[in-house]
Amino acid sequence: GARESGFLMSVAEWLAIAMENGRLFQETYRLNEELKRLNQDLEKVTQNKSQFFARLSHEMRTPLSVIIGFIDFLNAGVFGSVTEQQKSILNKIQIQSQTLLKMANDVLNLSRIEAGAIYVEVSTFPLDTIIASLQGLTEDLQRKSKLRVVWDVEPDLPHLTTDPGRLEEILQNLIVNAFKYTSEGEVRIRIGNRPQSQSVEFLVEDTGRGIAPENIPKIFDGFHQVAPTATGQGVGLGLTIVKKYVELLKGEIRVQSELGKGSTFTVTLPYVLQT
């Protein structure tokens, strides 16, 4: 009667829902498998892209190094006397060649990072040797720019157990950037001990053009230059590599900037890198 009819209707509705759920499950499974396949294809394309850029930049470095070497020989008079006008042109060629070499190295390093082929070489060392090397860099940059350089290094800094080569590259990039975007004033490098967090803090401050608030999140993006300059040529990978290296060393990087007044980049690294 009516009860049996109602029961059958309920069963029919339940079966219809079950069938629809089954169909949706199958469709979801199919879409999930398709998404997996697309992700695999994307990973393959990304890997191939990284391998291509790594090979290209690696191959570029050899002829550029040869060109730079020959220019050194020409300037030194190995192949005969060179006039002052010729020296001026050779110096310009050398600067452009070194810029290209820096680009090739940046692309190679980023490709290695993306491919997971960058490793850390951990050792325990005092900061004095790195500071001395960086002071040589700032003296060279200062001669060309006439900016003031101020070093503010706390005494009795602890030894670090991390990758000294990567740390030096991080600070080199930040210092070169500070000079690149500062036309007058000073570049200040501060290094301080932060025992409460078992870390050392490195600050690179400048009185340059600064960065607009809306551009600050973009500065660590690959191939992005917020404000190119005539002397600041490149492919915009310097800060991207800095951020990747800081992450590799389990540290943090922060930036504070005011448009027209300057920027401060702060890198904090632990005393000991736990690998």
Protein backbone atom coordinates (compact mmCIF):
# COMPACT_ATOMS: atom_id res chain seq x y z
CA GLY A 1 0.00 0.00 0.00
CA ALA A 2 0.96 3.56 0.68
CA ARG A 3 3.71 2.55 3.16
CA GLU A 4 5.41 0.21 0.65
CA SER A 5 5.10 2.86 -2.07
CA GLY A 6 6.72 5.48 0.18
CA PHE A 7 9.50 3.06 1.12
CA LEU A 8 10.20 2.28 -2.55
CA MET A 9 10.26 6.01 -3.34
CA SER A 10 12.79 6.55 -0.53
CA VAL A 11 14.96 3.69 -1.82
CA ALA A 12 14.75 5.11 -5.35
CA GLU A 13 15.80 8.56 -4.11
CA TRP A 14 18.65 7.03 -2.09
CA LEU A 15 19.82 5.05 -5.13
CA ALA A 16 19.68 8.17 -7.32
CA ILE A 17 21.75 10.10 -4.76
CA ALA A 18 24.22 7.20 -4.45
CA MET A 19 24.57 6.99 -8.24
CA GLU A 20 25.09 10.74 -8.49
CA ASN A 21 27.66 10.62 -5.69
CA GLY A 22 29.41 7.74 -7.48
CA ARG A 23 29.48 9.73 -10.71
CA LEU A 24 30.82 12.80 -8.91
CA PHE A 25 33.46 10.67 -7.17
CA GLN A 26 34.58 9.23 -10.50
CA GLU A 27 34.67 12.68 -12.06
CA THR A 28 36.64 14.06 -9.08
CA TYR A 29 39.09 11.14 -9.33
CA ARG A 30 39.51 11.76 -13.07
CA LEU A 31 40.10 15.48 -12.55
CA ASN A 32 42.58 14.73 -9.76
CA GLU A 33 44.54 12.37 -12.02
CA GLU A 34 44.49 14.98 -14.79
CA LEU A 35 45.78 17.61 -12.33
CA LYS A 36 48.59 15.27 -11.26
CA ARG A 37 49.58 14.75 -14.87
CA LEU A 38 49.53 18.50 -15.55
CA ASN A 39 51.67 19.13 -12.45
CA GLN A 40 54.18 16.53 -13.64
CA ASP A 41 54.29 18.18 -17.07
CA LEU A 42 54.77 21.58 -15.43
CA GLU A 43 57.62 20.26 -13.24
CA LYS A 44 59.28 18.78 -16.34
CA VAL A 45 58.98 22.09 -18.23
CA THR A 46 60.34 24.03 -15.23
CA GLN A 47 63.22 21.60 -14.85
CA ASN A 48 64.02 21.80 -18.57
CA LYS A 49 63.89 25.61 -18.38
CA SER A 50 66.26 25.64 -15.40
CA GLN A 51 68.63 23.22 -17.15
CA PHE A 52 68.57 25.32 -20.32
CA PHE A 53 69.34 28.56 -18.48
CA ALA A 54 72.04 26.85 -16.41
CA ARG A 55 73.73 25.50 -19.56
CA LEU A 56 73.38 28.80 -21.43
CA SER A 57 74.80 30.91 -18.61
CA HIS A 58 77.59 28.38 -17.98
CA GLU A 59 78.60 28.48 -21.66
CA MET A 60 78.51 32.31 -21.66
CA ARG A 61 80.98 32.60 -18.82
CA THR A 62 83.99 31.14 -20.66
CA PRO A 63 84.11 33.57 -23.62
CA LEU A 64 83.36 36.51 -21.32
CA SER A 65 86.24 35.54 -19.02
CA VAL A 66 88.54 35.29 -22.07
CA ILE A 67 87.45 38.76 -23.28
CA ILE A 68 88.08 40.27 -19.83
CA GLY A 69 91.50 38.57 -19.70
CA PHE A 70 92.53 39.92 -23.10
CA ILE A 71 91.44 43.44 -22.11
CA ASP A 72 93.70 43.17 -19.03
CA PHE A 73 96.59 42.18 -21.31
CA LEU A 74 95.88 45.10 -23.67
CA ASN A 75 95.72 47.58 -20.80
CA ALA A 76 98.99 46.24 -19.40
CA GLY A 77 100.70 46.85 -22.79
CA VAL A 78 101.42 43.15 -23.40
CA PHE A 79 100.50 43.55 -27.09
CA GLY A 80 102.06 46.99 -27.53
CA SER A 81 101.53 50.52 -26.27
CA VAL A 82 97.97 51.77 -25.84
CA THR A 83 96.89 55.41 -26.01
CA GLU A 84 94.84 56.99 -23.21
CA GLN A 85 91.81 57.19 -25.54
CA GLN A 86 92.13 53.49 -26.34
CA LYS A 87 92.47 52.69 -22.62
CA SER A 88 89.26 54.61 -21.95
CA ILE A 89 87.40 52.51 -24.56
CA LEU A 90 88.94 49.28 -23.27
CA ASN A 91 87.81 50.13 -19.73
CA LYS A 92 84.26 50.65 -20.99
CA ILE A 93 84.37 47.30 -22.81
CA GLN A 94 85.67 45.66 -19.63
CA ILE A 95 82.88 47.16 -17.48
CA GLN A 96 80.21 45.93 -19.91
CA SER A 97 81.84 42.49 -20.09
CA GLN A 98 81.91 42.24 -16.30
CA THR A 99 78.23 43.25 -16.22
CA LEU A 100 77.44 40.42 -18.67
CA LEU A 101 79.50 38.00 -16.57
CA LYS A 102 77.56 39.03 -13.45
CA MET A 103 74.27 38.41 -15.31
CA ALA A 104 75.45 34.97 -16.44
CA ASN A 105 76.51 34.08 -12.89
CA ASP A 106 73.18 35.28 -11.48
CA VAL A 107 71.15 33.21 -13.97
CA LEU A 108 73.37 30.17 -13.33
CA ASN A 109 73.00 30.50 -9.55
CA LEU A 110 69.22 30.92 -9.72
CA SER A 111 68.92 27.92 -12.06
CA ARG A 112 70.97 25.84 -9.61
CA ILE A 113 68.80 27.00 -6.71
CA GLU A 114 65.59 26.10 -8.58
CA ALA A 115 67.05 22.71 -9.49
CA GLY A 116 67.97 22.07 -5.82
CA ALA A 117 71.65 21.86 -6.80
CA ILE A 118 72.96 24.49 -4.36
CA TYR A 119 74.60 23.07 -1.26
CA VAL A 120 76.00 24.70 1.86
CA GLU A 121 79.59 24.24 3.00
CA VAL A 122 79.47 24.76 6.74
CA SER A 123 82.49 25.78 8.80
CA THR A 124 83.13 27.74 11.99
CA PHE A 125 84.87 31.06 11.42
CA PRO A 126 85.36 34.58 12.83
CA LEU A 127 83.67 37.42 10.96
CA ASP A 128 86.94 39.38 10.67
CA THR A 129 87.99 37.79 7.35
CA ILE A 130 84.62 38.47 5.70
CA ILE A 131 84.58 42.04 7.04
CA ALA A 132 88.10 42.66 5.67
CA SER A 133 87.07 41.37 2.23
CA LEU A 134 83.92 43.54 2.24
CA GLN A 135 85.93 46.59 3.30
CA GLY A 136 88.11 46.06 0.22
CA LEU A 137 84.93 46.00 -1.88
CA THR A 138 83.54 49.20 -0.31
CA GLU A 139 86.86 51.02 -0.79
CA ASP A 140 86.75 50.19 -4.50
CA LEU A 141 83.10 51.26 -4.79
CA GLN A 142 83.78 54.42 -2.78
CA ARG A 143 86.56 55.51 -5.17
CA LYS A 144 84.11 55.33 -8.06
CA SER A 145 81.12 56.92 -6.32
CA LYS A 146 82.59 59.38 -3.78
CA LEU A 147 79.97 58.28 -1.22
CA ARG A 148 80.86 58.11 2.46
CA VAL A 149 81.20 54.62 3.92
CA VAL A 150 80.56 54.04 7.61
CA TRP A 151 81.32 50.74 9.34
CA ASP A 152 79.61 50.16 12.69
CA VAL A 153 80.82 46.76 13.92
CA GLU A 154 80.24 45.66 17.51
CA PRO A 155 83.33 44.34 19.32
CA ASP A 156 83.69 40.69 20.36
CA LEU A 157 81.31 39.26 17.79
CA PRO A 158 80.85 35.49 18.16
CA HIS A 159 82.17 32.97 15.67
CA LEU A 160 79.55 31.73 13.22
CA THR A 161 79.00 28.16 12.09
CA THR A 162 77.50 28.56 8.65
CA ASP A 163 78.55 28.87 4.99
CA PRO A 164 81.05 31.79 4.81
CA GLY A 165 80.97 31.92 0.99
CA ARG A 166 77.19 32.33 0.86
CA LEU A 167 77.25 34.90 3.68
CA GLU A 168 79.85 36.97 1.82
CA GLU A 169 77.81 36.79 -1.41
CA ILE A 170 74.68 37.96 0.45
CA LEU A 171 76.47 40.99 1.90
CA GLN A 172 78.32 41.78 -1.35
CA ASN A 173 75.01 41.93 -3.22
CA LEU A 174 73.41 44.20 -0.62
CA ILE A 175 76.41 46.55 -0.51
CA VAL A 176 76.70 46.79 -4.31
CA ASN A 177 72.95 47.53 -4.51
CA ALA A 178 73.27 50.25 -1.87
CA PHE A 179 75.97 52.00 -3.94
CA LYS A 180 74.07 51.43 -7.20
CA TYR A 181 70.94 53.25 -6.02
CA THR A 182 72.62 56.02 -3.98
CA SER A 183 73.85 59.14 -5.75
CA GLU A 184 74.87 61.14 -2.66
CA GLY A 185 75.25 60.68 1.06
CA GLU A 186 76.49 57.47 2.61
CA VAL A 187 76.37 53.72 2.83
CA ARG A 188 76.48 52.34 6.38
CA ILE A 189 77.17 48.73 7.31
CA ARG A 190 76.22 47.67 10.84
CA ILE A 191 77.00 44.27 12.38
CA GLY A 192 75.64 43.42 15.81
CA ASN A 193 75.42 40.48 18.19
CA ARG A 194 71.91 39.40 19.25
CA PRO A 195 72.57 36.87 22.05
CA GLN A 196 68.90 36.73 23.09
CA SER A 197 68.08 35.08 19.75
CA GLN A 198 71.50 33.41 19.32
CA SER A 199 72.03 35.31 16.08
CA VAL A 200 74.07 38.02 14.38
CA GLU A 201 72.39 40.92 12.60
CA PHE A 202 73.81 42.53 9.45
CA LEU A 203 72.38 45.87 8.30
CA VAL A 204 73.17 47.67 5.04
CA GLU A 205 71.76 51.21 5.03
CA ASP A 206 71.87 53.84 2.31
CA THR A 207 70.68 57.39 1.69
CA GLY A 208 69.56 56.60 -1.84
CA ARG A 209 66.35 56.86 -3.81
CA GLY A 210 64.43 54.42 -1.63
CA ILE A 211 61.61 52.10 -2.62
CA ALA A 212 57.90 52.93 -2.85
CA PRO A 213 55.76 50.91 -0.39
CA GLU A 214 53.87 49.14 -3.20
CA ASN A 215 57.17 47.99 -4.74
CA ILE A 216 58.72 46.52 -1.60
CA PRO A 217 56.95 43.11 -1.98
CA LYS A 218 58.24 42.89 -5.59
CA ILE A 219 61.95 43.45 -5.02
CA PHE A 220 62.71 39.79 -4.28
CA ASP A 221 60.88 38.57 -7.41
CA GLY A 222 63.06 37.14 -10.16
CA PHE A 223 63.85 39.30 -13.20
CA HIS A 224 62.38 42.40 -11.53
CA GLN A 225 64.07 45.78 -11.18
CA VAL A 226 62.03 48.40 -9.36
CA ALA A 227 64.17 51.32 -10.50
CA PRO A 228 66.81 50.62 -13.16
CA THR A 229 69.71 53.06 -13.43
CA ALA A 230 72.23 53.80 -16.14
CA THR A 231 74.92 52.06 -14.10
CA GLY A 232 72.61 49.51 -12.51
CA GLN A 233 72.37 47.12 -15.41
CA GLY A 234 71.40 43.52 -14.82
CA VAL A 235 68.57 41.09 -15.01
CA GLY A 236 67.14 41.86 -11.56
CA LEU A 237 68.21 38.62 -9.89
CA GLY A 238 70.54 39.98 -7.19
CA LEU A 239 67.94 40.30 -4.41
CA THR A 240 66.19 37.10 -5.49
CA ILE A 241 69.44 35.19 -4.99
CA VAL A 242 70.10 37.01 -1.70
CA LYS A 243 66.71 35.91 -0.35
CA LYS A 244 67.26 32.30 -1.51
CA TYR A 245 70.70 32.21 0.13
CA VAL A 246 69.37 33.71 3.38
CA GLU A 247 66.66 31.01 3.45
CA LEU A 248 69.32 28.38 2.72
CA LEU A 249 71.23 29.58 5.80
CA LYS A 250 68.01 29.49 7.90
CA GLY A 251 68.07 33.24 8.37
CA GLU A 252 65.69 36.14 7.77
CA ILE A 253 65.84 39.24 5.61
CA ARG A 254 63.83 42.41 6.14
CA VAL A 255 63.68 45.72 4.31
CA GLN A 256 62.66 49.18 5.47
CA SER A 257 62.58 52.01 2.97
CA GLU A 258 61.30 55.51 2.45
CA LEU A 259 61.03 56.96 -1.03
CA GLY A 260 63.68 59.61 -1.59
CA LYS A 261 65.38 58.97 1.76
CA GLY A 262 67.00 55.54 1.54
CA SER A 263 66.69 51.87 2.38
CA THR A 264 67.85 49.48 5.09
CA PHE A 265 68.24 45.77 4.45
CA THR A 266 68.59 43.62 7.57
CA VAL A 267 69.83 40.03 7.48
CA THR A 268 69.70 37.92 10.64
CA LEU A 269 71.59 34.62 10.75
CA PRO A 270 71.78 32.07 13.59
CA TYR A 271 75.10 31.45 15.33
CA VAL A 272 74.93 27.82 14.21
CA LEU A 273 73.32 26.56 11.01
CA GLN A 274 71.47 23.36 11.86
CA THR A 275 71.83 21.26 8.70
